[in-house]
């Protein structure tokens, strides 16, 4: 078994094409591929704020003149009916 270590860059569609010169024409090979991003070339991303979408939705409602009501107050009003 030969271990060949190489690197490559994916195309714009996310595919990576490998060409491995093995020197044995018309021979069947079993191939194992381990793909791992080169950590030195990966740009770190900022953590995703899980509340950002909810805050944006509340901001859009407020801008349209609507707002989320106080749910505690709504429950009290329902209870008092």
PDB file of N, CA and C in Angstrom:
ATOM      1  N   UNK A   1       0.844  -1.171   0.000  1.00  0.00           N
ATOM      2  CA  UNK A   1       0.000   0.000   0.000  1.00  0.00           C
ATOM      3  C   UNK A   1       0.888   1.232   0.000  1.00  0.00           C
ATOM      4  N   UNK A   2       0.579   2.143  -0.913  1.00  0.00           N
ATOM      5  CA  UNK A   2       1.278   3.425  -0.974  1.00  0.00           C
ATOM      6  C   UNK A   2       0.401   4.502  -0.351  1.00  0.00           C
ATOM      7  N   UNK A   3       0.995   5.365   0.437  1.00  0.00           N
ATOM      8  CA  UNK A   3       0.281   6.521   0.981  1.00  0.00           C
ATOM      9  C   UNK A   3       0.783   7.736   0.228  1.00  0.00           C
ATOM     10  N   UNK A   4      -0.122   8.404  -0.440  1.00  0.00           N
ATOM     11  CA  UNK A   4       0.216   9.597  -1.204  1.00  0.00           C
ATOM     12  C   UNK A   4      -0.471  10.762  -0.519  1.00  0.00           C
ATOM     13  N   UNK A   5       0.308  11.734  -0.108  1.00  0.00           N
ATOM     14  CA  UNK A   5      -0.257  12.909   0.532  1.00  0.00           C
ATOM     15  C   UNK A   5      -0.107  14.076  -0.416  1.00  0.00           C
ATOM     16  N   UNK A   6      -1.212  14.774  -0.656  1.00  0.00           N
ATOM     17  CA  UNK A   6      -1.200  15.908  -1.571  1.00  0.00           C
ATOM     18  C   UNK A   6      -2.175  16.951  -1.068  1.00  0.00           C
ATOM     19  N   UNK A   7      -2.204  18.075  -1.703  1.00  0.00           N
ATOM     20  CA  UNK A   7      -3.180  19.099  -1.348  1.00  0.00           C
ATOM     21  C   UNK A   7      -3.790  19.631  -2.635  1.00  0.00           C
ATOM     22  N   UNK A   8      -4.922  20.244  -2.507  1.00  0.00           N
ATOM     23  CA  UNK A   8      -5.593  20.803  -3.667  1.00  0.00           C
ATOM     24  C   UNK A   8      -6.581  21.847  -3.211  1.00  0.00           C
ATOM     25  N   UNK A   9      -7.137  22.563  -4.168  1.00  0.00           N
ATOM     26  CA  UNK A   9      -8.111  23.600  -3.893  1.00  0.00           C
ATOM     27  C   UNK A   9      -9.393  23.267  -4.632  1.00  0.00           C
ATOM     28  N   UNK A  10     -10.511  23.428  -3.954  1.00  0.00           N
ATOM     29  CA  UNK A  10     -11.788  23.128  -4.584  1.00  0.00           C
ATOM     30  C   UNK A  10     -12.138  24.182  -5.625  1.00  0.00           C
ATOM     31  N   UNK A  11     -12.916  23.762  -6.603  1.00  0.00           N
ATOM     32  CA  UNK A  11     -13.396  24.672  -7.642  1.00  0.00           C
ATOM     33  C   UNK A  11     -14.545  25.497  -7.083  1.00  0.00           C
ATOM     34  N   UNK A  12     -15.047  26.441  -7.862  1.00  0.00           N
ATOM     35  CA  UNK A  12     -16.125  27.311  -7.409  1.00  0.00           C
ATOM     36  C   UNK A  12     -17.408  26.536  -7.086  1.00  0.00           C
ATOM     37  N   UNK A  13     -17.563  25.343  -7.652  1.00  0.00           N
ATOM     38  CA  UNK A  13     -18.746  24.534  -7.333  1.00  0.00           C
ATOM     39  C   UNK A  13     -18.505  23.609  -6.143  1.00  0.00           C
ATOM     40  N   UNK A  14     -17.341  23.720  -5.495  1.00  0.00           N
ATOM     41  CA  UNK A  14     -17.057  22.931  -4.302  1.00  0.00           C
ATOM     42  C   UNK A  14     -16.447  21.566  -4.564  1.00  0.00           C
ATOM     43  N   UNK A  15     -16.143  21.242  -5.813  1.00  0.00           N
ATOM     44  CA  UNK A  15     -15.566  19.933  -6.120  1.00  0.00           C
ATOM     45  C   UNK A  15     -14.051  19.997  -6.153  1.00  0.00           C
ATOM     46  N   UNK A  16     -13.443  18.880  -5.850  1.00  0.00           N
ATOM     47  CA  UNK A  16     -11.992  18.743  -5.910  1.00  0.00           C
ATOM     48  C   UNK A  16     -11.683  17.568  -6.831  1.00  0.00           C
ATOM     49  N   UNK A  17     -10.844  17.798  -7.816  1.00  0.00           N
ATOM     50  CA  UNK A  17     -10.464  16.753  -8.755  1.00  0.00           C
ATOM     51  C   UNK A  17      -9.026  16.352  -8.467  1.00  0.00           C
ATOM     52  N   UNK A  18      -8.808  15.051  -8.301  1.00  0.00           N
ATOM     53  CA  UNK A  18      -7.468  14.537  -8.020  1.00  0.00           C
ATOM     54  C   UNK A  18      -6.952  13.739  -9.205  1.00  0.00           C
ATOM     55  N   UNK A  19      -5.698  13.911  -9.528  1.00  0.00           N
ATOM     56  CA  UNK A  19      -5.017  13.088 -10.515  1.00  0.00           C
ATOM     57  C   UNK A  19      -3.829  12.459  -9.807  1.00  0.00           C
ATOM     58  N   UNK A  20      -3.816  11.133  -9.749  1.00  0.00           N
ATOM     59  CA  UNK A  20      -2.759  10.420  -9.036  1.00  0.00           C
ATOM     60  C   UNK A  20      -1.968   9.559 -10.013  1.00  0.00           C
ATOM     61  N   UNK A  21      -0.749   9.922 -10.341  1.00  0.00           N
ATOM     62  CA  UNK A  21       0.068   9.087 -11.220  1.00  0.00           C
ATOM     63  C   UNK A  21       0.599   7.884 -10.435  1.00  0.00           C
ATOM     64  N   UNK A  22       0.051   6.693 -10.700  1.00  0.00           N
ATOM     65  CA  UNK A  22       0.427   5.501  -9.945  1.00  0.00           C
ATOM     66  C   UNK A  22       1.428   4.621 -10.686  1.00  0.00           C
ATOM     67  N   UNK A  23       1.627   4.858 -11.967  1.00  0.00           N
ATOM     68  CA  UNK A  23       2.656   4.147 -12.711  1.00  0.00           C
ATOM     69  C   UNK A  23       2.315   2.720 -13.102  1.00  0.00           C
ATOM     70  N   UNK A  24       1.097   2.288 -12.940  1.00  0.00           N
ATOM     71  CA  UNK A  24       0.713   0.912 -13.303  1.00  0.00           C
ATOM     72  C   UNK A  24      -0.535   0.971 -14.176  1.00  0.00           C
ATOM     73  N   UNK A  25      -0.372   1.021 -15.490  1.00  0.00           N
ATOM     74  CA  UNK A  25      -1.536   1.112 -16.374  1.00  0.00           C
ATOM     75  C   UNK A  25      -2.438  -0.121 -16.260  1.00  0.00           C
ATOM     76  N   UNK A  26      -3.711   0.101 -16.475  1.00  0.00           N
ATOM     77  CA  UNK A  26      -4.723  -0.957 -16.510  1.00  0.00           C
ATOM     78  C   UNK A  26      -4.708  -1.818 -15.245  1.00  0.00           C
ATOM     79  N   UNK A  27      -4.493  -1.219 -14.097  1.00  0.00           N
ATOM     80  CA  UNK A  27      -4.484  -1.925 -12.820  1.00  0.00           C
ATOM     81  C   UNK A  27      -5.601  -1.363 -11.948  1.00  0.00           C
ATOM     82  N   UNK A  28      -6.352  -2.249 -11.329  1.00  0.00           N
ATOM     83  CA  UNK A  28      -7.430  -1.813 -10.448  1.00  0.00           C
ATOM     84  C   UNK A  28      -6.843  -1.468  -9.076  1.00  0.00           C
ATOM     85  N   UNK A  29      -7.256  -0.328  -8.530  1.00  0.00           N
ATOM     86  CA  UNK A  29      -6.788   0.121  -7.221  1.00  0.00           C
ATOM     87  C   UNK A  29      -7.983   0.374  -6.307  1.00  0.00           C
ATOM     88  N   UNK A  30      -7.792   0.158  -5.035  1.00  0.00           N
ATOM     89  CA  UNK A  30      -8.739   0.613  -4.040  1.00  0.00           C
ATOM     90  C   UNK A  30      -8.207   1.948  -3.527  1.00  0.00           C
ATOM     91  N   UNK A  31      -9.077   2.931  -3.444  1.00  0.00           N
ATOM     92  CA  UNK A  31      -8.670   4.281  -3.069  1.00  0.00           C
ATOM     93  C   UNK A  31      -9.413   4.676  -1.792  1.00  0.00           C
ATOM     94  N   UNK A  32      -8.683   5.238  -0.838  1.00  0.00           N
ATOM     95  CA  UNK A  32      -9.275   5.809   0.370  1.00  0.00           C
ATOM     96  C   UNK A  32      -8.880   7.282   0.409  1.00  0.00           C
ATOM     97  N   UNK A  33      -9.854   8.146   0.592  1.00  0.00           N
ATOM     98  CA  UNK A  33      -9.600   9.581   0.591  1.00  0.00           C
ATOM     99  C   UNK A  33     -10.047  10.164   1.928  1.00  0.00           C
ATOM    100  N   UNK A  34      -9.179  10.933   2.545  1.00  0.00           N
ATOM    101  CA  UNK A  34      -9.521  11.682   3.748  1.00  0.00           C
ATOM    102  C   UNK A  34      -9.373  13.149   3.390  1.00  0.00           C
ATOM    103  N   UNK A  35     -10.478  13.880   3.388  1.00  0.00           N
ATOM    104  CA  UNK A  35     -10.449  15.300   3.039  1.00  0.00           C
ATOM    105  C   UNK A  35     -10.621  16.117   4.313  1.00  0.00           C
ATOM    106  N   UNK A  36      -9.688  17.012   4.535  1.00  0.00           N
ATOM    107  CA  UNK A  36      -9.710  17.844   5.734  1.00  0.00           C
ATOM    108  C   UNK A  36      -9.276  19.246   5.336  1.00  0.00           C
ATOM    109  N   UNK A  37     -10.049  20.274   5.731  1.00  0.00           N
ATOM    110  CA  UNK A  37      -9.637  21.630   5.368  1.00  0.00           C
ATOM    111  C   UNK A  37      -8.274  21.969   5.963  1.00  0.00           C
ATOM    112  N   UNK A  38      -7.509  22.717   5.219  1.00  0.00           N
ATOM    113  CA  UNK A  38      -6.214  23.203   5.696  1.00  0.00           C
ATOM    114  C   UNK A  38      -6.508  24.303   6.705  1.00  0.00           C
ATOM    115  N   UNK A  39      -6.306  24.020   7.974  1.00  0.00           N
ATOM    116  CA  UNK A  39      -6.695  24.950   9.026  1.00  0.00           C
ATOM    117  C   UNK A  39      -5.966  26.283   8.930  1.00  0.00           C
ATOM    118  N   UNK A  40      -4.802  26.299   8.329  1.00  0.00           N
ATOM    119  CA  UNK A  40      -4.064  27.551   8.187  1.00  0.00           C
ATOM    120  C   UNK A  40      -4.742  28.476   7.172  1.00  0.00           C
ATOM    121  N   UNK A  41      -5.515  27.915   6.241  1.00  0.00           N
ATOM    122  CA  UNK A  41      -6.141  28.738   5.213  1.00  0.00           C
ATOM    123  C   UNK A  41      -7.602  29.037   5.499  1.00  0.00           C
ATOM    124  N   UNK A  42      -8.148  28.471   6.561  1.00  0.00           N
ATOM    125  CA  UNK A  42      -9.556  28.683   6.884  1.00  0.00           C
ATOM    126  C   UNK A  42      -9.697  29.989   7.656  1.00  0.00           C
ATOM    127  N   UNK A  43     -10.600  30.829   7.199  1.00  0.00           N
ATOM    128  CA  UNK A  43     -10.857  32.090   7.882  1.00  0.00           C
ATOM    129  C   UNK A  43     -11.830  31.837   9.027  1.00  0.00           C
ATOM    130  N   UNK A  44     -11.459  32.213  10.242  1.00  0.00           N
ATOM    131  CA  UNK A  44     -12.376  31.980  11.348  1.00  0.00           C
ATOM    132  C   UNK A  44     -13.648  32.804  11.175  1.00  0.00           C
ATOM    133  N   UNK A  45     -14.770  32.224  11.545  1.00  0.00           N
ATOM    134  CA  UNK A  45     -16.041  32.923  11.438  1.00  0.00           C
ATOM    135  C   UNK A  45     -16.507  33.339  12.821  1.00  0.00           C
ATOM    136  N   UNK A  46     -17.229  34.408  12.853  1.00  0.00           N
ATOM    137  CA  UNK A  46     -17.768  34.891  14.120  1.00  0.00           C
ATOM    138  C   UNK A  46     -18.890  33.948  14.558  1.00  0.00           C
ATOM    139  N   UNK A  47     -19.051  33.760  15.862  1.00  0.00           N
ATOM    140  CA  UNK A  47     -20.136  32.910  16.329  1.00  0.00           C
ATOM    141  C   UNK A  47     -21.488  33.479  15.894  1.00  0.00           C
ATOM    142  N   UNK A  48     -22.404  32.597  15.593  1.00  0.00           N
ATOM    143  CA  UNK A  48     -23.731  32.996  15.147  1.00  0.00           C
ATOM    144  C   UNK A  48     -24.570  33.354  16.374  1.00  0.00           C
ATOM    145  N   UNK A  49     -25.205  34.508  16.324  1.00  0.00           N
ATOM    146  CA  UNK A  49     -26.078  34.937  17.405  1.00  0.00           C
ATOM    147  C   UNK A  49     -27.448  34.298  17.202  1.00  0.00           C
ATOM    148  N   UNK A  50     -27.860  33.384  18.078  1.00  0.00           N
ATOM    149  CA  UNK A  50     -29.142  32.697  17.870  1.00  0.00           C
ATOM    150  C   UNK A  50     -30.342  33.637  18.007  1.00  0.00           C
ATOM    151  N   UNK A  51     -30.162  34.773  18.639  1.00  0.00           N
ATOM    152  CA  UNK A  51     -31.274  35.701  18.832  1.00  0.00           C
ATOM    153  C   UNK A  51     -31.349  36.763  17.745  1.00  0.00           C
ATOM    154  N   UNK A  52     -30.391  36.812  16.848  1.00  0.00           N
ATOM    155  CA  UNK A  52     -30.351  37.870  15.836  1.00  0.00           C
ATOM    156  C   UNK A  52     -31.602  37.866  14.961  1.00  0.00           C
ATOM    157  N   UNK A  53     -32.068  36.706  14.544  1.00  0.00           N
ATOM    158  CA  UNK A  53     -33.254  36.635  13.681  1.00  0.00           C
ATOM    159  C   UNK A  53     -34.497  37.104  14.439  1.00  0.00           C
ATOM    160  N   UNK A  54     -34.596  36.742  15.704  1.00  0.00           N
ATOM    161  CA  UNK A  54     -35.752  37.155  16.506  1.00  0.00           C
ATOM    162  C   UNK A  54     -35.717  38.662  16.728  1.00  0.00           C
ATOM    163  N   UNK A  55     -34.537  39.197  17.042  1.00  0.00           N
ATOM    164  CA  UNK A  55     -34.411  40.642  17.230  1.00  0.00           C
ATOM    165  C   UNK A  55     -34.760  41.398  15.952  1.00  0.00           C
ATOM    166  N   UNK A  56     -34.324  40.885  14.809  1.00  0.00           N
ATOM    167  CA  UNK A  56     -34.628  41.531  13.536  1.00  0.00           C
ATOM    168  C   UNK A  56     -36.133  41.518  13.270  1.00  0.00           C
ATOM    169  N   UNK A  57     -36.798  40.418  13.608  1.00  0.00           N
ATOM    170  CA  UNK A  57     -38.248  40.304  13.426  1.00  0.00           C
ATOM    171  C   UNK A  57     -38.971  41.312  14.314  1.00  0.00           C
ATOM    172  N   UNK A  58     -38.534  41.419  15.574  1.00  0.00           N
ATOM    173  CA  UNK A  58     -39.146  42.384  16.498  1.00  0.00           C
ATOM    174  C   UNK A  58     -38.935  43.812  15.976  1.00  0.00           C
ATOM    175  N   UNK A  59     -37.750  44.083  15.447  1.00  0.00           N
ATOM    176  CA  UNK A  59     -37.473  45.419  14.905  1.00  0.00           C
ATOM    177  C   UNK A  59     -38.386  45.734  13.724  1.00  0.00           C
ATOM    178  N   UNK A  60     -38.614  44.736  12.845  1.00  0.00           N
ATOM    179  CA  UNK A  60     -39.510  44.949  11.701  1.00  0.00           C
ATOM    180  C   UNK A  60     -40.939  45.194  12.174  1.00  0.00           C
ATOM    181  N   UNK A  61     -41.382  44.451  13.199  1.00  0.00           N
ATOM    182  CA  UNK A  61     -42.733  44.672  13.728  1.00  0.00           C
ATOM    183  C   UNK A  61     -42.855  46.063  14.331  1.00  0.00           C
ATOM    184  N   UNK A  62     -41.851  46.468  15.098  1.00  0.00           N
ATOM    185  CA  UNK A  62     -41.885  47.793  15.722  1.00  0.00           C
ATOM    186  C   UNK A  62     -41.909  48.887  14.656  1.00  0.00           C
ATOM    187  N   UNK A  63     -41.144  48.703  13.581  1.00  0.00           N
ATOM    188  CA  UNK A  63     -41.099  49.704  12.506  1.00  0.00           C
ATOM    189  C   UNK A  63     -42.442  49.800  11.787  1.00  0.00           C
ATOM    190  N   UNK A  64     -43.214  48.712  11.785  1.00  0.00           N
ATOM    191  CA  UNK A  64     -44.521  48.732  11.123  1.00  0.00           C
ATOM    192  C   UNK A  64     -45.625  49.219  12.053  1.00  0.00           C
ATOM    193  N   UNK A  65     -45.257  49.596  13.273  1.00  0.00           N
ATOM    194  CA  UNK A  65     -46.251  50.097  14.220  1.00  0.00           C
ATOM    195  C   UNK A  65     -46.808  49.019  15.135  1.00  0.00           C
ATOM    196  N   UNK A  66     -46.414  47.783  14.928  1.00  0.00           N
ATOM    197  CA  UNK A  66     -46.866  46.693  15.785  1.00  0.00           C
ATOM    198  C   UNK A  66     -45.751  46.340  16.757  1.00  0.00           C
ATOM    199  N   UNK A  67     -46.109  45.629  17.798  1.00  0.00           N
ATOM    200  CA  UNK A  67     -45.118  45.259  18.794  1.00  0.00           C
ATOM    201  C   UNK A  67     -45.571  43.963  19.453  1.00  0.00           C
ATOM    202  N   UNK A  68     -44.631  43.248  20.003  1.00  0.00           N
ATOM    203  CA  UNK A  68     -44.990  42.090  20.798  1.00  0.00           C
ATOM    204  C   UNK A  68     -45.576  42.594  22.100  1.00  0.00           C
ATOM    205  N   UNK A  69     -46.737  42.108  22.443  1.00  0.00           N
ATOM    206  CA  UNK A  69     -47.331  42.502  23.716  1.00  0.00           C
ATOM    207  C   UNK A  69     -46.629  41.813  24.876  1.00  0.00           C
ATOM    208  N   UNK A  70     -46.932  42.289  26.041  1.00  0.00           N
ATOM    209  CA  UNK A  70     -46.402  41.684  27.256  1.00  0.00           C
ATOM    210  C   UNK A  70     -47.225  40.434  27.531  1.00  0.00           C
ATOM    211  N   UNK A  71     -46.653  39.266  27.396  1.00  0.00           N
ATOM    212  CA  UNK A  71     -47.423  38.023  27.545  1.00  0.00           C
ATOM    213  C   UNK A  71     -47.964  37.860  28.953  1.00  0.00           C
ATOM    214  N   UNK A  72     -47.257  38.360  29.945  1.00  0.00           N
ATOM    215  CA  UNK A  72     -47.757  38.270  31.322  1.00  0.00           C
ATOM    216  C   UNK A  72     -49.038  39.087  31.446  1.00  0.00           C
ATOM    217  N   UNK A  73     -49.028  40.266  30.863  1.00  0.00           N
ATOM    218  CA  UNK A  73     -50.231  41.109  30.899  1.00  0.00           C
ATOM    219  C   UNK A  73     -51.375  40.436  30.155  1.00  0.00           C
ATOM    220  N   UNK A  74     -51.096  39.825  29.006  1.00  0.00           N
ATOM    221  CA  UNK A  74     -52.134  39.127  28.250  1.00  0.00           C
ATOM    222  C   UNK A  74     -52.743  38.000  29.069  1.00  0.00           C
ATOM    223  N   UNK A  75     -51.926  37.255  29.773  1.00  0.00           N
ATOM    224  CA  UNK A  75     -52.418  36.148  30.596  1.00  0.00           C
ATOM    225  C   UNK A  75     -53.307  36.694  31.716  1.00  0.00           C
ATOM    226  N   UNK A  76     -52.887  37.782  32.345  1.00  0.00           N
ATOM    227  CA  UNK A  76     -53.701  38.388  33.412  1.00  0.00           C
ATOM    228  C   UNK A  76     -55.062  38.841  32.875  1.00  0.00           C
ATOM    229  N   UNK A  77     -55.055  39.469  31.698  1.00  0.00           N
ATOM    230  CA  UNK A  77     -56.316  39.923  31.108  1.00  0.00           C
ATOM    231  C   UNK A  77     -57.235  38.744  30.811  1.00  0.00           C
ATOM    232  N   UNK A  78     -56.695  37.673  30.267  1.00  0.00           N
ATOM    233  CA  UNK A  78     -57.496  36.483  29.984  1.00  0.00           C
ATOM    234  C   UNK A  78     -58.057  35.882  31.269  1.00  0.00           C
ATOM    235  N   UNK A  79     -57.257  35.851  32.285  1.00  0.00           N
ATOM    236  CA  UNK A  79     -57.669  35.271  33.566  1.00  0.00           C
ATOM    237  C   UNK A  79     -58.798  36.101  34.192  1.00  0.00           C
ATOM    238  N   UNK A  80     -58.732  37.424  34.043  1.00  0.00           N
ATOM    239  CA  UNK A  80     -59.722  38.309  34.656  1.00  0.00           C
ATOM    240  C   UNK A  80     -61.033  38.375  33.884  1.00  0.00           C
ATOM    241  N   UNK A  81     -61.128  37.796  32.723  1.00  0.00           N
ATOM    242  CA  UNK A  81     -62.371  37.841  31.935  1.00  0.00           C
ATOM    243  C   UNK A  81     -63.412  36.925  32.494  1.00  0.00           C
TER     244      UNK A  81
END
